[in-house]
Structures are given as C-alpha cells and as structure tokens.
C-alpha cells in the first residue's frame, strides 16, 4: 500500500527576488523515503491551499494512506 506524508517547511536562508523566505510543501513516499512532489508557497500560512495541488502532482494516489499535520484536518482534504 502506498504511504505518503505531506509537510511544509521554510527553507533556511533562501529568499526570492522580493526578499521573502522560501516555503515548500512536500509530499514524500514514506518507504523508501523519496520526495514525489513539491510546491513552492509564497506565504507559509497558505500551506492548506497547496495541499491538494501537491497531491495532484502524483500520478495515482488511489488507495494511498496520506498523513499530514493537524493543519490539514479539513473535510476538503479528506475527500
């Protein structure tokens, strides 16, 4: 069974052209620990807006178990 984990992180020391810190939302396959998708977020509080879009970058997640932190415990993400 495919097991995925999603989490957002701020990239230490990385800044864009406007001087804003870089935030990434990554989705990785738990075993063998491989990053499958990553989305850049302009502002960290918008992580929830990028969650489903990051999962859409993976070809097929049918039947997968997806774990994420409490920030993503919303009905739309469960669907």
C-alpha atoms as a PDB file:
ATOM      1  CA  UNK A   1       0.000   0.000   0.000  1.00  0.00           C
ATOM      2  CA  UNK A   2       1.274   3.460  -0.914  1.00  0.00           C
ATOM      3  CA  UNK A   3       2.002   5.587   2.170  1.00  0.00           C
ATOM      4  CA  UNK A   4       2.516   9.314   1.679  1.00  0.00           C
ATOM      5  CA  UNK A   5       3.367  12.116   4.089  1.00  0.00           C
ATOM      6  CA  UNK A   6       2.910  15.833   3.446  1.00  0.00           C
ATOM      7  CA  UNK A   7       4.602  18.660   5.300  1.00  0.00           C
ATOM      8  CA  UNK A   8       5.511  22.278   4.746  1.00  0.00           C
ATOM      9  CA  UNK A   9       8.904  23.733   5.594  1.00  0.00           C
ATOM     10  CA  UNK A  10      10.645  27.068   5.419  1.00  0.00           C
ATOM     11  CA  UNK A  11      13.952  26.829   3.563  1.00  0.00           C
ATOM     12  CA  UNK A  12      16.506  28.393   5.850  1.00  0.00           C
ATOM     13  CA  UNK A  13      18.378  31.263   4.238  1.00  0.00           C
ATOM     14  CA  UNK A  14      16.569  31.025   0.882  1.00  0.00           C
ATOM     15  CA  UNK A  15      14.824  34.163  -0.344  1.00  0.00           C
ATOM     16  CA  UNK A  16      13.040  35.054  -3.559  1.00  0.00           C
ATOM     17  CA  UNK A  17      13.590  38.178  -5.692  1.00  0.00           C
ATOM     18  CA  UNK A  18      11.314  40.179  -3.354  1.00  0.00           C
ATOM     19  CA  UNK A  19      13.319  39.149  -0.293  1.00  0.00           C
ATOM     20  CA  UNK A  20      10.629  36.815   1.042  1.00  0.00           C
ATOM     21  CA  UNK A  21      11.616  33.488   2.594  1.00  0.00           C
ATOM     22  CA  UNK A  22      11.003  30.364   0.522  1.00  0.00           C
ATOM     23  CA  UNK A  23       8.378  27.935   1.827  1.00  0.00           C
ATOM     24  CA  UNK A  24       7.880  24.476   0.300  1.00  0.00           C
ATOM     25  CA  UNK A  25       5.148  21.893   0.700  1.00  0.00           C
ATOM     26  CA  UNK A  26       6.489  18.431   0.017  1.00  0.00           C
ATOM     27  CA  UNK A  27       4.823  15.053  -0.400  1.00  0.00           C
ATOM     28  CA  UNK A  28       7.070  12.060   0.017  1.00  0.00           C
ATOM     29  CA  UNK A  29       6.664   8.319  -0.132  1.00  0.00           C
ATOM     30  CA  UNK A  30       7.327   7.009   3.363  1.00  0.00           C
ATOM     31  CA  UNK A  31       9.074   3.822   2.217  1.00  0.00           C
ATOM     32  CA  UNK A  32      11.709   4.238   0.725  1.00  0.00           C
ATOM     33  CA  UNK A  33      11.661   7.915   1.786  1.00  0.00           C
ATOM     34  CA  UNK A  34      11.515   9.539  -1.650  1.00  0.00           C
ATOM     35  CA  UNK A  35      10.165  13.034  -2.372  1.00  0.00           C
ATOM     36  CA  UNK A  36       7.428  12.675  -5.008  1.00  0.00           C
ATOM     37  CA  UNK A  37       6.081  16.223  -5.243  1.00  0.00           C
ATOM     38  CA  UNK A  38       6.925  19.701  -4.047  1.00  0.00           C
ATOM     39  CA  UNK A  39       5.174  23.058  -4.368  1.00  0.00           C
ATOM     40  CA  UNK A  40       6.502  26.498  -3.626  1.00  0.00           C
ATOM     41  CA  UNK A  41       4.304  28.586  -1.356  1.00  0.00           C
ATOM     42  CA  UNK A  42       4.588  32.370  -1.390  1.00  0.00           C
ATOM     43  CA  UNK A  43       3.488  32.626   2.248  1.00  0.00           C
ATOM     44  CA  UNK A  44       3.637  29.917   4.893  1.00  0.00           C
ATOM     45  CA  UNK A  45       0.048  30.397   6.176  1.00  0.00           C
ATOM     46  CA  UNK A  46      -1.222  29.322   2.751  1.00  0.00           C
ATOM     47  CA  UNK A  47       0.027  25.743   3.126  1.00  0.00           C
ATOM     48  CA  UNK A  48      -3.524  24.372   3.189  1.00  0.00           C
ATOM     49  CA  UNK A  49      -4.240  25.965  -0.198  1.00  0.00           C
ATOM     50  CA  UNK A  50      -1.399  23.960  -1.761  1.00  0.00           C
ATOM     51  CA  UNK A  51      -2.122  20.579  -0.170  1.00  0.00           C
ATOM     52  CA  UNK A  52      -4.423  19.086  -2.807  1.00  0.00           C
ATOM     53  CA  UNK A  53      -2.442  20.681  -5.643  1.00  0.00           C
ATOM     54  CA  UNK A  54       0.727  18.978  -4.373  1.00  0.00           C
ATOM     55  CA  UNK A  55      -1.059  15.616  -4.251  1.00  0.00           C
ATOM     56  CA  UNK A  56      -2.323  16.209  -7.803  1.00  0.00           C
ATOM     57  CA  UNK A  57       1.314  16.184  -8.973  1.00  0.00           C
ATOM     58  CA  UNK A  58       1.437  12.450  -8.188  1.00  0.00           C
ATOM     59  CA  UNK A  59       0.059  10.250 -10.967  1.00  0.00           C
ATOM     60  CA  UNK A  60      -2.146   7.935  -8.878  1.00  0.00           C
ATOM     61  CA  UNK A  61      -2.857   8.058  -5.161  1.00  0.00           C
ATOM     62  CA  UNK A  62      -5.883   5.761  -5.264  1.00  0.00           C
ATOM     63  CA  UNK A  63      -5.972   3.762  -2.032  1.00  0.00           C
ATOM     64  CA  UNK A  64      -2.961   5.575  -0.576  1.00  0.00           C
ATOM     65  CA  UNK A  65      -2.653   6.485   3.077  1.00  0.00           C
ATOM     66  CA  UNK A  66      -1.778  10.171   3.364  1.00  0.00           C
ATOM     67  CA  UNK A  67      -0.555  11.628   6.641  1.00  0.00           C
ATOM     68  CA  UNK A  68      -0.202  15.313   7.423  1.00  0.00           C
ATOM     69  CA  UNK A  69      -0.184  17.518  10.492  1.00  0.00           C
ATOM     70  CA  UNK A  70      -3.322  18.823  12.198  1.00  0.00           C
ATOM     71  CA  UNK A  71      -3.375  21.881   9.935  1.00  0.00           C
ATOM     72  CA  UNK A  72      -4.830  19.652   7.187  1.00  0.00           C
ATOM     73  CA  UNK A  73      -7.702  18.135   9.172  1.00  0.00           C
ATOM     74  CA  UNK A  74     -10.358  19.704   6.986  1.00  0.00           C
ATOM     75  CA  UNK A  75     -13.134  17.887   5.106  1.00  0.00           C
ATOM     76  CA  UNK A  76     -11.909  19.026   1.674  1.00  0.00           C
ATOM     77  CA  UNK A  77      -8.525  17.424   2.213  1.00  0.00           C
ATOM     78  CA  UNK A  78     -10.105  14.156   3.284  1.00  0.00           C
ATOM     79  CA  UNK A  79     -12.026  13.973   0.012  1.00  0.00           C
END
